N, C-alpha and C. Protein backbone atom coordinates (compact mmCIF):
# COMPACT_ATOMS: atom_id res chain seq x y z
N UNK A 1 -24.44 75.00 -12.17
CA UNK A 1 -24.61 75.13 -13.35
C UNK A 1 -24.59 73.65 -14.13
N UNK A 2 -25.56 73.43 -14.84
CA UNK A 2 -25.61 71.93 -15.36
C UNK A 2 -24.68 72.10 -16.38
N UNK A 3 -24.37 70.79 -17.10
CA UNK A 3 -23.13 70.61 -17.91
C UNK A 3 -23.55 69.85 -19.15
N UNK A 4 -23.46 69.87 -20.45
CA UNK A 4 -23.58 69.18 -21.25
C UNK A 4 -22.35 68.73 -21.96
N UNK A 5 -22.17 67.32 -22.60
CA UNK A 5 -20.97 66.75 -23.39
C UNK A 5 -21.26 66.63 -24.68
N UNK A 6 -20.39 67.12 -25.49
CA UNK A 6 -20.42 66.59 -26.46
C UNK A 6 -19.25 65.87 -27.02
N UNK A 7 -19.45 64.71 -27.46
CA UNK A 7 -18.54 63.74 -28.09
C UNK A 7 -18.52 63.43 -29.48
N UNK A 8 -17.29 63.99 -30.23
CA UNK A 8 -17.45 63.80 -31.73
C UNK A 8 -15.86 63.95 -31.89
N UNK A 9 -15.35 63.03 -33.05
CA UNK A 9 -13.69 63.33 -33.30
C UNK A 9 -13.94 64.32 -34.31
N UNK A 10 -14.74 64.82 -35.09
CA UNK A 10 -14.85 65.22 -36.32
C UNK A 10 -14.90 66.91 -35.74
N UNK A 11 -13.57 67.67 -35.84
CA UNK A 11 -13.64 69.06 -35.65
C UNK A 11 -14.35 69.95 -36.16
N UNK A 12 -15.05 69.61 -37.39
CA UNK A 12 -16.23 70.67 -38.34
C UNK A 12 -17.74 70.35 -37.34
N UNK A 13 -17.78 69.12 -37.07
CA UNK A 13 -18.84 69.08 -36.26
C UNK A 13 -18.96 69.79 -34.71
N UNK A 14 -17.57 69.61 -34.14
CA UNK A 14 -17.78 70.52 -33.31
C UNK A 14 -18.31 71.67 -33.30
N UNK A 15 -17.17 72.51 -34.43
CA UNK A 15 -17.64 73.91 -34.73
C UNK A 15 -18.90 74.29 -35.10
N UNK A 16 -19.68 73.34 -35.91
CA UNK A 16 -21.18 73.41 -36.40
C UNK A 16 -21.93 73.29 -35.31
N UNK A 17 -21.65 72.53 -34.18
CA UNK A 17 -22.66 72.50 -32.93
C UNK A 17 -22.14 73.64 -32.07
N UNK A 18 -21.12 74.02 -31.83
CA UNK A 18 -20.86 74.93 -30.79
C UNK A 18 -21.47 76.10 -31.48
N UNK A 19 -21.58 76.62 -32.55
CA UNK A 19 -22.25 77.81 -33.23
C UNK A 19 -23.61 77.78 -33.46
N UNK A 20 -24.22 76.56 -33.20
CA UNK A 20 -25.89 76.22 -33.18
C UNK A 20 -26.16 76.71 -31.72
N UNK A 21 -25.31 76.10 -30.81
CA UNK A 21 -25.65 76.11 -29.37
C UNK A 21 -25.31 77.73 -29.11
N UNK A 22 -24.53 78.34 -29.31
CA UNK A 22 -24.14 79.75 -29.22
C UNK A 22 -25.52 80.35 -29.58
N UNK A 23 -26.01 80.34 -30.87
CA UNK A 23 -27.06 81.10 -31.55
C UNK A 23 -28.36 80.92 -30.86
N UNK A 24 -28.55 79.77 -29.66
CA UNK A 24 -29.54 79.50 -29.33
C UNK A 24 -29.52 79.93 -27.94
N UNK A 25 -28.36 80.58 -27.35
CA UNK A 25 -28.15 81.26 -26.21
C UNK A 25 -27.86 80.02 -25.23
N UNK A 26 -27.81 78.80 -25.35
CA UNK A 26 -27.63 77.86 -24.25
C UNK A 26 -26.23 78.22 -23.52
N UNK A 27 -25.43 79.02 -24.01
CA UNK A 27 -24.19 78.97 -22.94
C UNK A 27 -24.57 79.77 -21.67
N UNK A 28 -26.03 80.59 -21.64
CA UNK A 28 -26.22 81.05 -20.53
C UNK A 28 -26.92 80.20 -19.58
N UNK A 29 -27.28 78.89 -19.84
CA UNK A 29 -27.87 77.93 -19.04
C UNK A 29 -26.95 76.67 -18.95
N UNK A 30 -26.12 76.34 -19.62
CA UNK A 30 -25.31 75.13 -19.52
C UNK A 30 -23.75 75.30 -19.68
N UNK A 31 -23.16 74.54 -19.10
CA UNK A 31 -21.72 74.82 -19.24
C UNK A 31 -21.20 73.77 -20.39
N UNK A 32 -20.69 73.82 -21.28
CA UNK A 32 -20.46 72.78 -22.62
C UNK A 32 -19.26 72.43 -22.16
N UNK A 33 -19.06 70.75 -22.36
CA UNK A 33 -17.58 70.36 -22.46
C UNK A 33 -17.80 69.68 -23.87
N UNK A 34 -16.48 70.00 -24.34
CA UNK A 34 -16.35 69.22 -25.78
C UNK A 34 -15.15 68.26 -25.61
N UNK A 35 -15.45 67.08 -26.10
CA UNK A 35 -14.46 65.93 -26.30
C UNK A 35 -14.38 65.31 -27.46
N UNK A 36 -13.00 64.90 -27.83
CA UNK A 36 -12.99 64.08 -29.13
C UNK A 36 -12.67 62.59 -29.29
N UNK A 37 -12.78 62.17 -27.89
CA UNK A 37 -12.23 60.98 -27.80
C UNK A 37 -13.02 60.08 -26.69
N UNK A 38 -13.14 58.75 -26.51
CA UNK A 38 -13.77 57.94 -25.68
C UNK A 38 -13.10 58.36 -24.39
N UNK A 39 -11.85 58.05 -24.18
CA UNK A 39 -11.01 58.45 -23.04
C UNK A 39 -11.20 59.77 -22.49
N UNK A 40 -11.30 60.84 -23.32
CA UNK A 40 -11.82 62.03 -22.71
C UNK A 40 -13.13 62.06 -22.36
N UNK A 41 -13.98 61.48 -22.84
CA UNK A 41 -15.22 61.60 -22.36
C UNK A 41 -15.76 60.91 -21.30
N UNK A 42 -15.00 59.74 -20.84
CA UNK A 42 -15.19 59.12 -19.87
C UNK A 42 -14.56 60.00 -18.71
N UNK A 43 -13.39 60.62 -18.77
CA UNK A 43 -12.66 61.29 -17.89
C UNK A 43 -13.74 62.55 -17.47
N UNK A 44 -14.19 63.16 -18.46
CA UNK A 44 -15.16 64.12 -17.98
C UNK A 44 -16.60 63.64 -17.16
N UNK A 45 -16.75 62.67 -17.71
CA UNK A 45 -18.19 61.93 -16.94
C UNK A 45 -17.54 61.74 -15.73
N UNK A 46 -16.42 61.11 -15.27
CA UNK A 46 -15.95 60.68 -13.88
C UNK A 46 -15.74 62.16 -13.17
N UNK A 47 -15.05 62.98 -13.69
CA UNK A 47 -14.92 64.45 -12.99
C UNK A 47 -16.03 65.21 -12.99
N UNK A 48 -17.25 65.24 -13.52
CA UNK A 48 -18.50 65.92 -13.72
C UNK A 48 -19.47 64.98 -13.16
N UNK A 49 -19.51 63.85 -12.56
CA UNK A 49 -20.62 63.19 -12.40
C UNK A 49 -21.70 63.79 -11.59
N UNK A 50 -22.76 63.63 -12.12
CA UNK A 50 -24.16 64.39 -11.43
C UNK A 50 -24.20 65.89 -11.86
N UNK A 51 -23.16 66.21 -12.77
CA UNK A 51 -23.33 67.71 -13.03
C UNK A 51 -23.73 67.58 -14.59
N UNK A 52 -23.34 66.66 -15.22
CA UNK A 52 -23.61 66.60 -16.68
C UNK A 52 -25.28 65.97 -16.98
N UNK A 53 -25.94 67.05 -16.99
CA UNK A 53 -27.16 66.61 -17.37
C UNK A 53 -27.75 66.02 -18.77
N UNK A 54 -26.80 66.12 -19.84
CA UNK A 54 -27.14 65.80 -20.96
C UNK A 54 -25.85 65.62 -21.89
N UNK A 55 -25.90 64.51 -22.67
CA UNK A 55 -24.81 64.16 -23.47
C UNK A 55 -25.19 63.98 -24.98
N UNK A 56 -24.27 64.18 -25.72
CA UNK A 56 -24.26 64.04 -27.21
C UNK A 56 -23.25 63.03 -27.65
N UNK A 57 -23.44 61.93 -28.13
CA UNK A 57 -22.49 60.79 -28.34
C UNK A 57 -22.38 60.38 -29.85
N UNK A 58 -21.30 60.54 -30.29
CA UNK A 58 -20.84 59.86 -31.77
C UNK A 58 -20.23 58.53 -31.13
N UNK A 59 -20.33 57.18 -32.53
CA UNK A 59 -19.90 56.19 -32.14
C UNK A 59 -18.50 56.09 -32.98
N UNK A 60 -18.52 56.37 -34.25
CA UNK A 60 -17.00 56.19 -34.77
C UNK A 60 -16.17 57.06 -34.55
N UNK A 61 -15.05 57.01 -33.54
CA UNK A 61 -14.23 58.04 -33.30
C UNK A 61 -12.76 58.11 -33.77
N UNK A 62 -12.51 57.49 -34.71
CA UNK A 62 -11.29 57.08 -35.17
C UNK A 62 -11.27 56.64 -36.37
N UNK A 63 -10.27 56.74 -37.54
CA UNK A 63 -10.13 56.07 -38.67
C UNK A 63 -10.36 54.37 -38.16
N UNK A 64 -9.50 54.21 -37.31
CA UNK A 64 -9.38 52.71 -36.84
C UNK A 64 -10.91 52.11 -37.07
N UNK A 65 -11.57 52.88 -36.43
CA UNK A 65 -12.99 52.40 -36.08
C UNK A 65 -13.66 52.26 -37.27
N UNK A 66 -13.55 53.23 -38.48
CA UNK A 66 -14.18 53.05 -39.77
C UNK A 66 -13.72 51.97 -40.62
N UNK A 67 -12.43 51.40 -40.22
CA UNK A 67 -11.87 50.32 -40.93
C UNK A 67 -12.20 49.22 -40.34
N UNK A 68 -12.84 49.08 -39.19
CA UNK A 68 -13.00 47.76 -38.83
C UNK A 68 -13.77 46.90 -39.68
N UNK A 69 -13.47 45.60 -39.17
CA UNK A 69 -14.23 44.16 -40.07
C UNK A 69 -15.50 44.02 -39.24
N UNK A 70 -16.57 44.09 -39.94
CA UNK A 70 -17.87 43.62 -39.20
C UNK A 70 -17.89 42.64 -38.45
N UNK A 71 -18.28 42.54 -37.12
CA UNK A 71 -18.12 41.43 -36.33
C UNK A 71 -17.30 41.25 -35.78
N UNK A 72 -15.80 41.85 -35.83
CA UNK A 72 -14.85 42.17 -35.23
C UNK A 72 -14.62 43.13 -34.37
N UNK A 73 -13.60 42.85 -33.28
CA UNK A 73 -13.62 44.07 -32.09
C UNK A 73 -12.89 45.08 -33.06
N UNK A 74 -13.26 46.48 -32.55
CA UNK A 74 -12.24 47.63 -33.23
C UNK A 74 -11.22 48.07 -32.63
N UNK A 75 -10.36 48.54 -33.14
CA UNK A 75 -8.74 48.88 -32.94
C UNK A 75 -8.73 50.00 -31.85
N UNK A 76 -9.85 50.80 -32.00
CA UNK A 76 -9.62 51.89 -31.00
C UNK A 76 -11.14 52.19 -30.26
N UNK A 77 -10.89 52.66 -29.14
CA UNK A 77 -12.37 53.03 -28.56
C UNK A 77 -13.46 53.66 -29.30
N UNK A 78 -14.50 53.38 -29.02
CA UNK A 78 -15.83 53.97 -29.76
C UNK A 78 -16.50 54.56 -28.68
N UNK A 79 -17.77 55.16 -29.19
CA UNK A 79 -18.77 55.69 -28.39
C UNK A 79 -19.47 54.67 -27.73
N UNK A 80 -19.41 53.27 -28.22
CA UNK A 80 -19.75 52.28 -27.16
C UNK A 80 -19.32 52.21 -25.96
N UNK A 81 -17.99 52.30 -25.90
CA UNK A 81 -17.25 52.20 -24.47
C UNK A 81 -17.73 53.40 -23.76
N UNK A 82 -18.15 54.55 -24.21
CA UNK A 82 -18.41 55.62 -23.19
C UNK A 82 -19.95 54.94 -22.68
N UNK A 83 -20.69 54.60 -23.74
CA UNK A 83 -22.17 54.08 -23.17
C UNK A 83 -22.01 53.15 -22.05
N UNK A 84 -21.07 51.92 -22.29
CA UNK A 84 -20.76 51.09 -21.34
C UNK A 84 -20.36 51.48 -20.03
N UNK A 85 -19.66 52.93 -19.91
CA UNK A 85 -19.19 53.48 -19.19
C UNK A 85 -20.53 54.11 -18.34
N UNK A 86 -21.45 54.94 -18.74
CA UNK A 86 -22.42 55.59 -18.55
C UNK A 86 -23.51 54.63 -17.86
N UNK A 87 -23.63 53.37 -18.22
CA UNK A 87 -24.90 52.45 -17.62
C UNK A 87 -24.27 52.09 -16.34
N UNK A 88 -23.09 52.38 -16.04
CA UNK A 88 -22.57 51.93 -14.78
C UNK A 88 -22.28 52.96 -13.55
N UNK A 89 -22.49 54.30 -14.28
CA UNK A 89 -22.57 55.40 -13.25
C UNK A 89 -23.75 55.43 -12.44
N UNK A 90 -23.35 56.14 -11.01
CA UNK A 90 -24.18 56.08 -10.11
C UNK A 90 -25.25 56.97 -10.54
N UNK A 91 -24.67 58.47 -11.17
CA UNK A 91 -25.38 59.71 -11.36
C UNK A 91 -25.25 59.83 -12.68
N UNK A 92 -25.90 59.26 -13.75
CA UNK A 92 -25.32 59.32 -15.32
C UNK A 92 -26.18 60.59 -15.66
N UNK A 93 -25.95 61.02 -16.69
CA UNK A 93 -26.70 62.21 -17.54
C UNK A 93 -28.20 61.80 -17.60
N UNK A 94 -29.04 62.67 -17.60
CA UNK A 94 -30.39 62.26 -17.56
C UNK A 94 -31.04 62.06 -18.99
N UNK A 95 -30.34 62.75 -19.95
CA UNK A 95 -30.66 62.74 -21.21
C UNK A 95 -29.47 62.55 -22.22
N UNK A 96 -29.64 61.54 -23.20
CA UNK A 96 -28.40 61.27 -24.17
C UNK A 96 -29.06 61.30 -25.48
N UNK A 97 -28.35 62.06 -26.25
CA UNK A 97 -28.55 61.98 -28.09
C UNK A 97 -27.36 61.28 -28.54
N UNK A 98 -27.75 60.23 -29.20
CA UNK A 98 -26.86 59.58 -30.23
C UNK A 98 -27.06 59.99 -31.23
N UNK A 99 -25.94 60.59 -31.60
CA UNK A 99 -25.99 61.24 -33.25
C UNK A 99 -24.96 60.80 -34.04
N UNK A 100 -24.51 59.23 -33.95
CA UNK A 100 -23.77 58.62 -35.05
C UNK A 100 -24.56 58.58 -36.19
N UNK A 101 -23.99 58.43 -37.16
CA UNK A 101 -24.51 58.26 -38.78
C UNK A 101 -24.20 56.85 -38.85
N UNK A 102 -23.52 56.09 -37.85
CA UNK A 102 -23.35 54.52 -37.93
C UNK A 102 -24.64 53.85 -37.29
N UNK A 103 -25.63 53.45 -38.38
CA UNK A 103 -27.09 53.26 -37.85
C UNK A 103 -26.99 51.94 -36.86
N UNK A 104 -26.12 50.93 -37.31
CA UNK A 104 -26.12 49.91 -36.32
C UNK A 104 -25.76 50.19 -35.02
N UNK A 105 -24.61 50.95 -34.91
CA UNK A 105 -23.91 51.09 -33.76
C UNK A 105 -24.81 51.75 -33.06
N UNK A 106 -25.66 52.98 -33.39
CA UNK A 106 -26.41 53.83 -32.84
C UNK A 106 -27.60 53.15 -32.19
N UNK A 107 -28.16 52.16 -32.98
CA UNK A 107 -29.19 51.54 -32.60
C UNK A 107 -28.68 50.78 -31.25
N UNK A 108 -27.56 49.96 -31.41
CA UNK A 108 -27.10 49.41 -30.11
C UNK A 108 -26.63 50.20 -28.89
N UNK A 109 -26.28 51.44 -29.56
CA UNK A 109 -25.69 52.42 -28.13
C UNK A 109 -27.01 52.68 -27.84
N UNK A 110 -28.07 53.16 -28.30
CA UNK A 110 -29.45 53.33 -27.70
C UNK A 110 -30.20 52.15 -26.63
N UNK A 111 -30.19 51.20 -27.40
CA UNK A 111 -30.39 49.96 -26.56
C UNK A 111 -29.98 49.63 -25.36
N UNK A 112 -28.63 49.82 -25.07
CA UNK A 112 -27.97 49.60 -23.98
C UNK A 112 -28.22 50.50 -23.17
N UNK A 113 -28.25 52.19 -23.65
CA UNK A 113 -28.76 53.14 -22.85
C UNK A 113 -30.17 53.23 -22.24
N UNK A 114 -31.11 52.72 -22.93
CA UNK A 114 -32.43 52.40 -22.78
C UNK A 114 -32.73 51.34 -21.58
N UNK A 115 -31.87 50.49 -21.60
CA UNK A 115 -31.78 49.44 -20.51
C UNK A 115 -31.43 49.79 -19.27
N UNK A 116 -30.81 50.97 -19.17
CA UNK A 116 -30.38 51.43 -17.75
C UNK A 116 -31.74 51.84 -16.94
N UNK A 117 -32.75 52.34 -17.84
CA UNK A 117 -33.98 52.69 -17.28
C UNK A 117 -34.06 53.91 -16.70
N UNK A 118 -33.06 54.95 -16.59
CA UNK A 118 -33.09 55.89 -15.78
C UNK A 118 -32.57 57.25 -16.77
N UNK A 119 -32.51 56.98 -18.09
CA UNK A 119 -31.95 57.79 -19.12
C UNK A 119 -32.89 57.77 -20.26
N UNK A 120 -33.14 59.14 -20.44
CA UNK A 120 -33.68 59.50 -21.75
C UNK A 120 -33.19 59.37 -22.69
N UNK A 121 -33.39 58.68 -23.58
CA UNK A 121 -32.45 58.25 -25.07
C UNK A 121 -33.25 58.64 -26.09
N UNK A 122 -32.63 59.40 -27.07
CA UNK A 122 -32.80 59.73 -28.45
C UNK A 122 -31.85 59.49 -29.41
N UNK A 123 -32.35 58.95 -30.59
CA UNK A 123 -31.40 58.74 -31.70
C UNK A 123 -31.75 60.06 -32.83
N UNK A 124 -30.55 60.66 -33.16
CA UNK A 124 -30.62 61.65 -34.19
C UNK A 124 -29.51 61.68 -34.62
N UNK A 125 -29.50 61.32 -36.22
CA UNK A 125 -28.15 61.65 -36.86
C UNK A 125 -27.65 63.00 -36.93
N UNK A 126 -26.32 63.08 -36.59
CA UNK A 126 -25.91 64.42 -36.96
C UNK A 126 -26.57 65.39 -38.00
N UNK A 127 -26.65 64.80 -38.97
CA UNK A 127 -27.10 65.66 -40.33
C UNK A 127 -28.66 66.09 -40.07
N UNK A 128 -29.30 65.88 -39.07
CA UNK A 128 -30.50 66.35 -38.53
C UNK A 128 -30.53 66.99 -37.26
N UNK A 129 -29.53 66.80 -36.44
CA UNK A 129 -29.39 67.05 -35.25
C UNK A 129 -29.46 68.80 -35.04
N UNK A 130 -28.79 69.39 -35.73
CA UNK A 130 -28.53 70.90 -35.53
C UNK A 130 -30.07 71.59 -36.00
N UNK A 131 -30.57 70.62 -36.77
CA UNK A 131 -32.14 71.33 -37.12
C UNK A 131 -33.06 71.14 -35.91
N UNK A 132 -33.05 70.13 -35.27
CA UNK A 132 -33.87 69.77 -34.28
C UNK A 132 -33.51 70.59 -32.73
N UNK A 133 -32.41 71.11 -32.88
CA UNK A 133 -32.06 71.64 -31.45
C UNK A 133 -32.80 72.90 -31.29
N UNK A 134 -33.29 73.32 -30.16
CA UNK A 134 -34.49 74.57 -30.24
C UNK A 134 -34.15 75.21 -28.96
């Protein structure tokens, strides 16, 4: 069974995404993997390489990220770390949705993923994501 990875540090977003996925009947077609940190996302990608066919990625994963000074390195791993891992994978997810509300970071995440050449990349802010899932 194919797997789908959902990365976000916001527990409310996890709950809302999970409810939408269940309502659409996705659980009969996919195994869902929910993670809250870059570390856990990378661990899941390593453990399930080739099985994760789709990933939903956020960028800002902690208070430290939100407090970062523009142009300076963040104090904690972000979704960008996950993207950098994905582009090195032998068998990355086929499709990735970047759902970060951080516009600048989301654009950069998409650019890095698109540069891989074998990943279908979409940017959909979380505020619109649940409406677009079908």
